[in-house]
Amino acid sequence: GRFTISGDNAKNAMYLQMNSLNAEDTGVYYCNTSPQLVP
């Protein structure tokens, strides 16, 4: 309800729109395959 994930295959890109952020959202954010296959 606060975050939205989206992708653009043509650009080889993915996005994460994050709204209503709170302190618990603090951290380092990573992208990877699911499940993780890449370093």
Full PDB file with SEQRES, HELIX, SHEET, SSBOND, CRYST1, ORIGX, SCALE, CONECT and MASTER records, all heavy atoms in Angstrom:
SEQRES   1 A   39  GLY ARG PHE THR ILE SER GLY ASP ASN ALA LYS ASN ALA          
SEQRES   2 A   39  MET TYR LEU GLN MET ASN SER LEU ASN ALA GLU ASP THR          
SEQRES   3 A   39  GLY VAL TYR TYR CYS ASN THR SER PRO GLN LEU VAL PRO          
HELIX    1 AA1 ASN A    9  LYS A   11  5                                   3    
HELIX    2 AA2 ALA A   23  ASP A   25  5                                   3    
SHEET    1 AA1 2 PHE A   3  ASP A   8  0                                        
SHEET    2 AA1 2 ALA A  13  MET A  18 -1                                        
CRYST1    1.000    1.000    1.000  90.00  90.00  90.00 P 1           1          
ORIGX1      1.000000  0.000000  0.000000        0.00000                         
ORIGX2      0.000000  1.000000  0.000000        0.00000                         
ORIGX3      0.000000  0.000000  1.000000        0.00000                         
SCALE1      1.000000  0.000000  0.000000        0.00000                         
SCALE2      0.000000  1.000000  0.000000        0.00000                         
SCALE3      0.000000  0.000000  1.000000        0.00000                         
ATOM      1  N   GLY A   1       0.797  -1.217   0.000  1.00  0.00           N  
ATOM      2  CA  GLY A   1       0.000   0.000   0.000  1.00  0.00           C  
ATOM      3  C   GLY A   1       0.832   1.271   0.000  1.00  0.00           C  
ATOM      4  O   GLY A   1       0.292   2.369  -0.235  1.00  0.00           O  
ATOM      5  N   ARG A   2       2.132   1.156   0.248  1.00  0.00           N  
ATOM      6  CA  ARG A   2       3.008   2.327   0.271  1.00  0.00           C  
ATOM      7  C   ARG A   2       4.057   2.283  -0.836  1.00  0.00           C  
ATOM      8  O   ARG A   2       4.463   3.332  -1.337  1.00  0.00           O  
ATOM      9  CB  ARG A   2       3.722   2.427   1.617  1.00  0.00           C  
ATOM     10  CG  ARG A   2       2.804   2.525   2.815  1.00  0.00           C  
ATOM     11  CD  ARG A   2       3.581   2.796   4.105  1.00  0.00           C  
ATOM     12  NE  ARG A   2       4.501   1.716   4.439  1.00  0.00           N  
ATOM     13  CZ  ARG A   2       5.819   1.862   4.560  1.00  0.00           C  
ATOM     14  NH1 ARG A   2       6.383   3.055   4.370  1.00  0.00           N  
ATOM     15  NH2 ARG A   2       6.588   0.823   4.882  1.00  0.00           N  
ATOM     16  N   PHE A   3       4.502   1.102  -1.192  1.00  0.00           N  
ATOM     17  CA  PHE A   3       5.547   0.935  -2.210  1.00  0.00           C  
ATOM     18  C   PHE A   3       4.936   0.374  -3.495  1.00  0.00           C  
ATOM     19  O   PHE A   3       3.983  -0.412  -3.445  1.00  0.00           O  
ATOM     20  CB  PHE A   3       6.629  -0.028  -1.726  1.00  0.00           C  
ATOM     21  CG  PHE A   3       7.515   0.488  -0.623  1.00  0.00           C  
ATOM     22  CD1 PHE A   3       7.202   1.640   0.085  1.00  0.00           C  
ATOM     23  CD2 PHE A   3       8.671  -0.193  -0.291  1.00  0.00           C  
ATOM     24  CE1 PHE A   3       8.020   2.100   1.101  1.00  0.00           C  
ATOM     25  CE2 PHE A   3       9.513   0.246   0.717  1.00  0.00           C  
ATOM     26  CZ  PHE A   3       9.172   1.409   1.420  1.00  0.00           C  
ATOM     27  N   THR A   4       5.526   0.764  -4.616  1.00  0.00           N  
ATOM     28  CA  THR A   4       5.102   0.250  -5.921  1.00  0.00           C  
ATOM     29  C   THR A   4       6.323  -0.157  -6.722  1.00  0.00           C  
ATOM     30  O   THR A   4       7.203   0.672  -6.970  1.00  0.00           O  
ATOM     31  CB  THR A   4       4.304   1.299  -6.699  1.00  0.00           C  
ATOM     32  OG1 THR A   4       3.164   1.710  -5.926  1.00  0.00           O  
ATOM     33  CG2 THR A   4       3.825   0.730  -8.023  1.00  0.00           C  
ATOM     34  N   ILE A   5       6.358  -1.413  -7.129  1.00  0.00           N  
ATOM     35  CA  ILE A   5       7.450  -1.912  -7.948  1.00  0.00           C  
ATOM     36  C   ILE A   5       7.008  -1.905  -9.403  1.00  0.00           C  
ATOM     37  O   ILE A   5       5.837  -2.177  -9.709  1.00  0.00           O  
ATOM     38  CB  ILE A   5       7.864  -3.340  -7.512  1.00  0.00           C  
ATOM     39  CG1 ILE A   5       9.122  -3.797  -8.252  1.00  0.00           C  
ATOM     40  CG2 ILE A   5       6.724  -4.334  -7.703  1.00  0.00           C  
ATOM     41  CD1 ILE A   5       9.680  -5.124  -7.715  1.00  0.00           C  
ATOM     42  N   SER A   6       7.923  -1.565 -10.289  1.00  0.00           N  
ATOM     43  CA  SER A   6       7.615  -1.565 -11.711  1.00  0.00           C  
ATOM     44  C   SER A   6       8.886  -1.856 -12.488  1.00  0.00           C  
ATOM     45  O   SER A   6       9.990  -1.722 -11.965  1.00  0.00           O  
ATOM     46  CB  SER A   6       7.003  -0.238 -12.148  1.00  0.00           C  
ATOM     47  OG  SER A   6       7.915   0.827 -11.937  1.00  0.00           O  
ATOM     48  N   GLY A   7       8.706  -2.257 -13.737  1.00  0.00           N  
ATOM     49  CA  GLY A   7       9.857  -2.579 -14.562  1.00  0.00           C  
ATOM     50  C   GLY A   7       9.696  -2.042 -15.965  1.00  0.00           C  
ATOM     51  O   GLY A   7       8.579  -1.784 -16.419  1.00  0.00           O  
ATOM     52  N   ASP A   8      10.817  -1.858 -16.623  1.00  0.00           N  
ATOM     53  CA  ASP A   8      10.834  -1.409 -18.015  1.00  0.00           C  
ATOM     54  C   ASP A   8      11.820  -2.317 -18.745  1.00  0.00           C  
ATOM     55  O   ASP A   8      13.033  -2.083 -18.721  1.00  0.00           O  
ATOM     56  CB  ASP A   8      11.254   0.054 -18.101  1.00  0.00           C  
ATOM     57  CG  ASP A   8      11.136   0.606 -19.501  1.00  0.00           C  
ATOM     58  OD1 ASP A   8      11.219  -0.181 -20.485  1.00  0.00           O  
ATOM     59  OD2 ASP A   8      10.975   1.827 -19.650  1.00  0.00           O  
ATOM     60  N   ASN A   9      11.288  -3.364 -19.393  1.00  0.00           N  
ATOM     61  CA  ASN A   9      12.164  -4.334 -20.044  1.00  0.00           C  
ATOM     62  C   ASN A   9      12.999  -3.697 -21.149  1.00  0.00           C  
ATOM     63  O   ASN A   9      14.152  -4.071 -21.362  1.00  0.00           O  
ATOM     64  CB  ASN A   9      11.335  -5.484 -20.617  1.00  0.00           C  
ATOM     65  CG  ASN A   9      10.722  -6.346 -19.540  1.00  0.00           C  
ATOM     66  OD1 ASN A   9      11.151  -6.325 -18.392  1.00  0.00           O  
ATOM     67  ND2 ASN A   9       9.706  -7.113 -19.906  1.00  0.00           N  
ATOM     68  N   ALA A  10      12.450  -2.737 -21.836  1.00  0.00           N  
ATOM     69  CA  ALA A  10      13.164  -2.091 -22.932  1.00  0.00           C  
ATOM     70  C   ALA A  10      14.409  -1.355 -22.437  1.00  0.00           C  
ATOM     71  O   ALA A  10      15.418  -1.271 -23.141  1.00  0.00           O  
ATOM     72  CB  ALA A  10      12.241  -1.130 -23.662  1.00  0.00           C  
ATOM     73  N   LYS A  11      14.323  -0.839 -21.229  1.00  0.00           N  
ATOM     74  CA  LYS A  11      15.446  -0.102 -20.651  1.00  0.00           C  
ATOM     75  C   LYS A  11      16.276  -0.967 -19.716  1.00  0.00           C  
ATOM     76  O   LYS A  11      17.252  -0.477 -19.131  1.00  0.00           O  
ATOM     77  CB  LYS A  11      14.936   1.126 -19.885  1.00  0.00           C  
ATOM     78  CG  LYS A  11      14.269   2.175 -20.761  1.00  0.00           C  
ATOM     79  CD  LYS A  11      13.864   3.392 -19.939  1.00  0.00           C  
ATOM     80  CE  LYS A  11      13.256   4.460 -20.824  1.00  0.00           C  
ATOM     81  NZ  LYS A  11      12.845   5.656 -20.033  1.00  0.00           N  
ATOM     82  N   ASN A  12      15.892  -2.230 -19.566  1.00  0.00           N  
ATOM     83  CA  ASN A  12      16.585  -3.109 -18.619  1.00  0.00           C  
ATOM     84  C   ASN A  12      16.622  -2.464 -17.241  1.00  0.00           C  
ATOM     85  O   ASN A  12      17.673  -2.435 -16.574  1.00  0.00           O  
ATOM     86  CB  ASN A  12      18.009  -3.383 -19.103  1.00  0.00           C  
ATOM     87  CG  ASN A  12      18.242  -4.853 -19.353  1.00  0.00           C  
ATOM     88  OD1 ASN A  12      17.318  -5.652 -19.370  1.00  0.00           O  
ATOM     89  ND2 ASN A  12      19.494  -5.219 -19.544  1.00  0.00           N  
ATOM     90  N   ALA A  13      15.481  -1.941 -16.814  1.00  0.00           N  
ATOM     91  CA  ALA A  13      15.432  -1.180 -15.579  1.00  0.00           C  
ATOM     92  C   ALA A  13      14.236  -1.599 -14.730  1.00  0.00           C  
ATOM     93  O   ALA A  13      13.233  -2.110 -15.246  1.00  0.00           O  
ATOM     94  CB  ALA A  13      15.362   0.315 -15.873  1.00  0.00           C  
ATOM     95  N   MET A  14      14.369  -1.357 -13.452  1.00  0.00           N  
ATOM     96  CA  MET A  14      13.300  -1.630 -12.501  1.00  0.00           C  
ATOM     97  C   MET A  14      13.266  -0.480 -11.511  1.00  0.00           C  
ATOM     98  O   MET A  14      14.308   0.147 -11.261  1.00  0.00           O  
ATOM     99  CB  MET A  14      13.574  -2.955 -11.776  1.00  0.00           C  
ATOM    100  CG  MET A  14      12.523  -3.357 -10.770  1.00  0.00           C  
ATOM    101  SD  MET A  14      12.805  -5.012 -10.118  1.00  0.00           S  
ATOM    102  CE  MET A  14      14.303  -4.758  -9.158  1.00  0.00           C  
ATOM    103  N   TYR A  15      12.094  -0.219 -10.952  1.00  0.00           N  
ATOM    104  CA  TYR A  15      11.935   0.932 -10.078  1.00  0.00           C  
ATOM    105  C   TYR A  15      11.180   0.528  -8.816  1.00  0.00           C  
ATOM    106  O   TYR A  15      10.444  -0.459  -8.790  1.00  0.00           O  
ATOM    107  CB  TYR A  15      11.168   2.033 -10.809  1.00  0.00           C  
ATOM    108  CG  TYR A  15      11.749   2.362 -12.148  1.00  0.00           C  
ATOM    109  CD1 TYR A  15      11.227   1.796 -13.312  1.00  0.00           C  
ATOM    110  CD2 TYR A  15      12.856   3.204 -12.271  1.00  0.00           C  
ATOM    111  CE1 TYR A  15      11.776   2.068 -14.552  1.00  0.00           C  
ATOM    112  CE2 TYR A  15      13.414   3.475 -13.506  1.00  0.00           C  
ATOM    113  CZ  TYR A  15      12.872   2.908 -14.637  1.00  0.00           C  
ATOM    114  OH  TYR A  15      13.431   3.169 -15.866  1.00  0.00           O  
ATOM    115  N   LEU A  16      11.363   1.326  -7.779  1.00  0.00           N  
ATOM    116  CA  LEU A  16      10.591   1.149  -6.554  1.00  0.00           C  
ATOM    117  C   LEU A  16      10.156   2.531  -6.085  1.00  0.00           C  
ATOM    118  O   LEU A  16      10.986   3.322  -5.621  1.00  0.00           O  
ATOM    119  CB  LEU A  16      11.409   0.445  -5.472  1.00  0.00           C  
ATOM    120  CG  LEU A  16      10.622   0.092  -4.210  1.00  0.00           C  
ATOM    121  CD1 LEU A  16       9.576  -1.001  -4.520  1.00  0.00           C  
ATOM    122  CD2 LEU A  16      11.559  -0.378  -3.097  1.00  0.00           C  
ATOM    123  N   GLN A  17       8.873   2.813  -6.260  1.00  0.00           N  
ATOM    124  CA  GLN A  17       8.311   4.062  -5.771  1.00  0.00           C  
ATOM    125  C   GLN A  17       7.929   3.843  -4.314  1.00  0.00           C  
ATOM    126  O   GLN A  17       7.136   2.944  -4.014  1.00  0.00           O  
ATOM    127  CB  GLN A  17       7.080   4.449  -6.592  1.00  0.00           C  
ATOM    128  CG  GLN A  17       6.306   5.641  -6.036  1.00  0.00           C  
ATOM    129  CD  GLN A  17       7.064   6.936  -6.138  1.00  0.00           C  
ATOM    130  OE1 GLN A  17       7.671   7.222  -7.172  1.00  0.00           O  
ATOM    131  NE2 GLN A  17       7.046   7.734  -5.078  1.00  0.00           N  
ATOM    132  N   MET A  18       8.473   4.665  -3.434  1.00  0.00           N  
ATOM    133  CA  MET A  18       8.239   4.503  -2.001  1.00  0.00           C  
ATOM    134  C   MET A  18       7.563   5.754  -1.452  1.00  0.00           C  
ATOM    135  O   MET A  18       8.120   6.850  -1.540  1.00  0.00           O  
ATOM    136  CB  MET A  18       9.566   4.251  -1.272  1.00  0.00           C  
ATOM    137  CG  MET A  18      10.369   3.094  -1.835  1.00  0.00           C  
ATOM    138  SD  MET A  18      11.828   2.699  -0.860  1.00  0.00           S  
ATOM    139  CE  MET A  18      12.774   4.199  -1.076  1.00  0.00           C  
ATOM    140  N   ASN A  19       6.390   5.579  -0.894  1.00  0.00           N  
ATOM    141  CA  ASN A  19       5.631   6.684  -0.318  1.00  0.00           C  
ATOM    142  C   ASN A  19       5.412   6.449   1.168  1.00  0.00           C  
ATOM    143  O   ASN A  19       5.576   5.332   1.666  1.00  0.00           O  
ATOM    144  CB  ASN A  19       4.276   6.812  -1.020  1.00  0.00           C  
ATOM    145  CG  ASN A  19       4.410   7.120  -2.496  1.00  0.00           C  
ATOM    146  OD1 ASN A  19       5.313   7.836  -2.925  1.00  0.00           O  
ATOM    147  ND2 ASN A  19       3.502   6.569  -3.298  1.00  0.00           N  
ATOM    148  N   SER A  20       5.044   7.500   1.863  1.00  0.00           N  
ATOM    149  CA  SER A  20       4.746   7.415   3.301  1.00  0.00           C  
ATOM    150  C   SER A  20       5.863   6.707   4.057  1.00  0.00           C  
ATOM    151  O   SER A  20       5.606   5.805   4.872  1.00  0.00           O  
ATOM    152  CB  SER A  20       3.415   6.690   3.512  1.00  0.00           C  
ATOM    153  OG  SER A  20       2.364   7.361   2.843  1.00  0.00           O  
ATOM    154  N   LEU A  21       7.065   7.120   3.786  1.00  0.00           N  
ATOM    155  CA  LEU A  21       8.220   6.463   4.395  1.00  0.00           C  
ATOM    156  C   LEU A  21       8.256   6.708   5.898  1.00  0.00           C  
ATOM    157  O   LEU A  21       7.859   7.778   6.386  1.00  0.00           O  
ATOM    158  CB  LEU A  21       9.506   6.953   3.749  1.00  0.00           C  
ATOM    159  CG  LEU A  21       9.748   6.418   2.326  1.00  0.00           C  
ATOM    160  CD1 LEU A  21      10.765   7.264   1.585  1.00  0.00           C  
ATOM    161  CD2 LEU A  21      10.202   4.972   2.390  1.00  0.00           C  
ATOM    162  N   ASN A  22       8.724   5.705   6.617  1.00  0.00           N  
ATOM    163  CA  ASN A  22       8.905   5.837   8.056  1.00  0.00           C  
ATOM    164  C   ASN A  22      10.283   5.317   8.455  1.00  0.00           C  
ATOM    165  O   ASN A  22      11.010   4.758   7.617  1.00  0.00           O  
ATOM    166  CB  ASN A  22       7.790   5.124   8.810  1.00  0.00           C  
ATOM    167  CG  ASN A  22       7.696   3.660   8.453  1.00  0.00           C  
ATOM    168  OD1 ASN A  22       8.657   2.914   8.632  1.00  0.00           O  
ATOM    169  ND2 ASN A  22       6.538   3.228   7.952  1.00  0.00           N  
ATOM    170  N   ALA A  23      10.632   5.485   9.697  1.00  0.00           N  
ATOM    171  CA  ALA A  23      11.981   5.147  10.155  1.00  0.00           C  
ATOM    172  C   ALA A  23      12.316   3.678   9.927  1.00  0.00           C  
ATOM    173  O   ALA A  23      13.483   3.330   9.688  1.00  0.00           O  
ATOM    174  CB  ALA A  23      12.130   5.494  11.623  1.00  0.00           C  
ATOM    175  N   GLU A  24      11.311   2.830   9.968  1.00  0.00           N  
ATOM    176  CA  GLU A  24      11.539   1.387   9.767  1.00  0.00           C  
ATOM    177  C   GLU A  24      11.914   1.052   8.325  1.00  0.00           C  
ATOM    178  O   GLU A  24      12.333  -0.062   8.041  1.00  0.00           O  
ATOM    179  CB  GLU A  24      10.303   0.588  10.173  1.00  0.00           C  
ATOM    180  CG  GLU A  24      10.053   0.516  11.686  1.00  0.00           C  
ATOM    181  CD  GLU A  24       9.670   1.839  12.290  1.00  0.00           C  
ATOM    182  OE1 GLU A  24       8.867   2.573  11.659  1.00  0.00           O  
ATOM    183  OE2 GLU A  24      10.168   2.156  13.384  1.00  0.00           O  
ATOM    184  N   ASP A  25      11.758   1.998   7.437  1.00  0.00           N  
ATOM    185  CA  ASP A  25      12.148   1.781   6.042  1.00  0.00           C  
ATOM    186  C   ASP A  25      13.629   2.100   5.811  1.00  0.00           C  
ATOM    187  O   ASP A  25      14.144   1.882   4.709  1.00  0.00           O  
ATOM    188  CB  ASP A  25      11.311   2.651   5.102  1.00  0.00           C  
ATOM    189  CG  ASP A  25       9.837   2.296   5.152  1.00  0.00           C  
ATOM    190  OD1 ASP A  25       9.517   1.091   5.148  1.00  0.00           O  
ATOM    191  OD2 ASP A  25       9.005   3.232   5.180  1.00  0.00           O  
ATOM    192  N   THR A  26      14.293   2.598   6.806  1.00  0.00           N  
ATOM    193  CA  THR A  26      15.711   2.920   6.694  1.00  0.00           C  
ATOM    194  C   THR A  26      16.534   1.659   6.444  1.00  0.00           C  
ATOM    195  O   THR A  26      16.313   0.635   7.092  1.00  0.00           O  
ATOM    196  CB  THR A  26      16.217   3.612   7.966  1.00  0.00           C  
ATOM    197  OG1 THR A  26      15.581   4.886   8.077  1.00  0.00           O  
ATOM    198  CG2 THR A  26      17.720   3.798   7.950  1.00  0.00           C  
ATOM    199  N   GLY A  27      17.459   1.756   5.502  1.00  0.00           N  
ATOM    200  CA  GLY A  27      18.316   0.618   5.205  1.00  0.00           C  
ATOM    201  C   GLY A  27      18.966   0.776   3.850  1.00  0.00           C  
ATOM    202  O   GLY A  27      18.768   1.779   3.159  1.00  0.00           O  
ATOM    203  N   VAL A  28      19.733  -0.231   3.482  1.00  0.00           N  
ATOM    204  CA  VAL A  28      20.324  -0.268   2.152  1.00  0.00           C  
ATOM    205  C   VAL A  28      19.429  -1.131   1.270  1.00  0.00           C  
ATOM    206  O   VAL A  28      19.092  -2.253   1.633  1.00  0.00           O  
ATOM    207  CB  VAL A  28      21.752  -0.839   2.185  1.00  0.00           C  
ATOM    208  CG1 VAL A  28      22.348  -0.846   0.779  1.00  0.00           C  
ATOM    209  CG2 VAL A  28      22.626  -0.037   3.135  1.00  0.00           C  
ATOM    210  N   TYR A  29      19.057  -0.583   0.141  1.00  0.00           N  
ATOM    211  CA  TYR A  29      18.154  -1.254  -0.778  1.00  0.00           C  
ATOM    212  C   TYR A  29      18.932  -1.829  -1.956  1.00  0.00           C  
ATOM    213  O   TYR A  29      19.779  -1.130  -2.535  1.00  0.00           O  
ATOM    214  CB  TYR A  29      17.078  -0.290  -1.268  1.00  0.00           C  
ATOM    215  CG  TYR A  29      16.023  -0.016  -0.230  1.00  0.00           C  
ATOM    216  CD1 TYR A  29      16.319   0.707   0.924  1.00  0.00           C  
ATOM    217  CD2 TYR A  29      14.718  -0.496  -0.381  1.00  0.00           C  
ATOM    218  CE1 TYR A  29      15.356   0.941   1.895  1.00  0.00           C  
ATOM    219  CE2 TYR A  29      13.746  -0.262   0.583  1.00  0.00           C  
ATOM    220  CZ  TYR A  29      14.078   0.450   1.714  1.00  0.00           C  
ATOM    221  OH  TYR A  29      13.117   0.681   2.673  1.00  0.00           O  
ATOM    222  N   TYR A  30      18.616  -3.064  -2.278  1.00  0.00           N  
ATOM    223  CA  TYR A  30      19.286  -3.776  -3.358  1.00  0.00           C  
ATOM    224  C   TYR A  30      18.260  -4.326  -4.337  1.00  0.00           C  
ATOM    225  O   TYR A  30      17.139  -4.660  -3.953  1.00  0.00           O  
ATOM    226  CB  TYR A  30      20.073  -4.966  -2.816  1.00  0.00           C  
ATOM    227  CG  TYR A  30      21.086  -4.660  -1.752  1.00  0.00           C  
ATOM    228  CD1 TYR A  30      20.723  -4.605  -0.418  1.00  0.00           C  
ATOM    229  CD2 TYR A  30      22.423  -4.473  -2.087  1.00  0.00           C  
ATOM    230  CE1 TYR A  30      21.664  -4.350   0.569  1.00  0.00           C  
ATOM    231  CE2 TYR A  30      23.377  -4.220  -1.111  1.00  0.00           C  
ATOM    232  CZ  TYR A  30      22.986  -4.163   0.209  1.00  0.00           C  
ATOM    233  OH  TYR A  30      23.926  -3.908   1.183  1.00  0.00           O  
ATOM    234  N   CYS A  31      18.664  -4.474  -5.578  1.00  0.00           N  
ATOM    235  CA  CYS A  31      17.846  -5.218  -6.531  1.00  0.00           C  
ATOM    236  C   CYS A  31      18.601  -6.490  -6.915  1.00  0.00           C  
ATOM    237  O   CYS A  31      19.829  -6.544  -6.864  1.00  0.00           O  
ATOM    238  CB  CYS A  31      17.512  -4.391  -7.757  1.00  0.00           C  
ATOM    239  SG  CYS A  31      18.932  -3.877  -8.745  1.00  0.00           S  
ATOM    240  N   ASN A  32      17.848  -7.499  -7.271  1.00  0.00           N  
ATOM    241  CA  ASN A  32      18.434  -8.764  -7.682  1.00  0.00           C  
ATOM    242  C   ASN A  32      17.325  -9.614  -8.253  1.00  0.00           C  
ATOM    243  O   ASN A  32      16.150  -9.240  -8.244  1.00  0.00           O  
ATOM    244  CB  ASN A  32      19.089  -9.470  -6.490  1.00  0.00           C  
ATOM    245  CG  ASN A  32      20.289 -10.323  -6.894  1.00  0.00           C  
ATOM    246  OD1 ASN A  32      20.166 -11.187  -7.755  1.00  0.00           O  
ATOM    247  ND2 ASN A  32      21.437 -10.050  -6.295  1.00  0.00           N  
ATOM    248  N   THR A  33      17.686 -10.760  -8.763  1.00  0.00           N  
ATOM    249  CA  THR A  33      16.675 -11.692  -9.205  1.00  0.00           C  
ATOM    250  C   THR A  33      15.966 -12.275  -7.982  1.00  0.00           C  
ATOM    251  O   THR A  33      16.429 -12.148  -6.845  1.00  0.00           O  
ATOM    252  CB  THR A  33      17.308 -12.826 -10.014  1.00  0.00           C  
ATOM    253  OG1 THR A  33      18.318 -13.451  -9.210  1.00  0.00           O  
ATOM    254  CG2 THR A  33      17.945 -12.306 -11.301  1.00  0.00           C  
ATOM    255  N   SER A  34      14.849 -12.938  -8.242  1.00  0.00           N  
ATOM    256  CA  SER A  34      14.123 -13.609  -7.171  1.00  0.00           C  
ATOM    257  C   SER A  34      13.844 -15.046  -7.595  1.00  0.00           C  
ATOM    258  O   SER A  34      13.068 -15.262  -8.526  1.00  0.00           O  
ATOM    259  CB  SER A  34      12.808 -12.893  -6.873  1.00  0.00           C  
ATOM    260  OG  SER A  34      12.084 -13.580  -5.861  1.00  0.00           O  
ATOM    261  N   PRO A  35      14.494 -15.999  -6.942  1.00  0.00           N  
ATOM    262  CA  PRO A  35      15.443 -15.866  -5.842  1.00  0.00           C  
ATOM    263  C   PRO A  35      16.758 -15.252  -6.302  1.00  0.00           C  
ATOM    264  O   PRO A  35      17.001 -15.144  -7.511  1.00  0.00           O  
ATOM    265  CB  PRO A  35      15.641 -17.308  -5.377  1.00  0.00           C  
ATOM    266  CG  PRO A  35      15.396 -18.123  -6.593  1.00  0.00           C  
ATOM    267  CD  PRO A  35      14.277 -17.413  -7.309  1.00  0.00           C  
ATOM    268  N   GLN A  36      17.578 -14.829  -5.344  1.00  0.00           N  
ATOM    269  CA  GLN A  36      18.831 -14.164  -5.682  1.00  0.00           C  
ATOM    270  C   GLN A  36      19.792 -15.114  -6.380  1.00  0.00           C  
ATOM    271  O   GLN A  36      20.112 -16.184  -5.871  1.00  0.00           O  
ATOM    272  CB  GLN A  36      19.489 -13.641  -4.407  1.00  0.00           C  
ATOM    273  CG  GLN A  36      20.816 -12.954  -4.666  1.00  0.00           C  
ATOM    274  CD  GLN A  36      21.927 -13.518  -3.788  1.00  0.00           C  
ATOM    275  OE1 GLN A  36      21.686 -14.051  -2.719  1.00  0.00           O  
ATOM    276  NE2 GLN A  36      23.145 -13.393  -4.258  1.00  0.00           N  
ATOM    277  N   LEU A  37      20.224 -14.708  -7.581  1.00  0.00           N  
ATOM    278  CA  LEU A  37      21.129 -15.535  -8.375  1.00  0.00           C  
ATOM    279  C   LEU A  37      22.435 -14.824  -8.692  1.00  0.00           C  
ATOM    280  O   LEU A  37      23.392 -15.447  -9.141  1.00  0.00           O  
ATOM    281  CB  LEU A  37      20.448 -15.946  -9.696  1.00  0.00           C  
ATOM    282  CG  LEU A  37      19.166 -16.757  -9.582  1.00  0.00           C  
ATOM    283  CD1 LEU A  37      18.520 -16.904 -10.958  1.00  0.00           C  
ATOM    284  CD2 LEU A  37      19.451 -18.129  -8.974  1.00  0.00           C  
ATOM    285  N   VAL A  38      22.452 -13.517  -8.495  1.00  0.00           N  
ATOM    286  CA  VAL A  38      23.567 -12.683  -8.912  1.00  0.00           C  
ATOM    287  C   VAL A  38      24.234 -12.095  -7.668  1.00  0.00           C  
ATOM    288  O   VAL A  38      23.542 -11.796  -6.696  1.00  0.00           O  
ATOM    289  CB  VAL A  38      23.042 -11.548  -9.827  1.00  0.00           C  
ATOM    290  CG1 VAL A  38      24.160 -10.593 -10.219  1.00  0.00           C  
ATOM    291  CG2 VAL A  38      22.383 -12.143 -11.058  1.00  0.00           C  
ATOM    292  N   PRO A  39      25.533 -11.928  -7.672  1.00  0.00           N  
ATOM    293  CA  PRO A  39      26.189 -11.276  -6.525  1.00  0.00           C  
ATOM    294  C   PRO A  39      25.557  -9.927  -6.239  1.00  0.00           C  
ATOM    295  O   PRO A  39      25.145  -9.205  -7.163  1.00  0.00           O  
ATOM    296  CB  PRO A  39      27.642 -11.136  -6.986  1.00  0.00           C  
ATOM    297  CG  PRO A  39      27.830 -12.261  -7.946  1.00  0.00           C  
ATOM    298  CD  PRO A  39      26.528 -12.398  -8.665  1.00  0.00           C  
TER     299      PRO A  39                                                      
MASTER        0    0    0    2    2    0    0    6  298    1    0    3          
END                                                                             
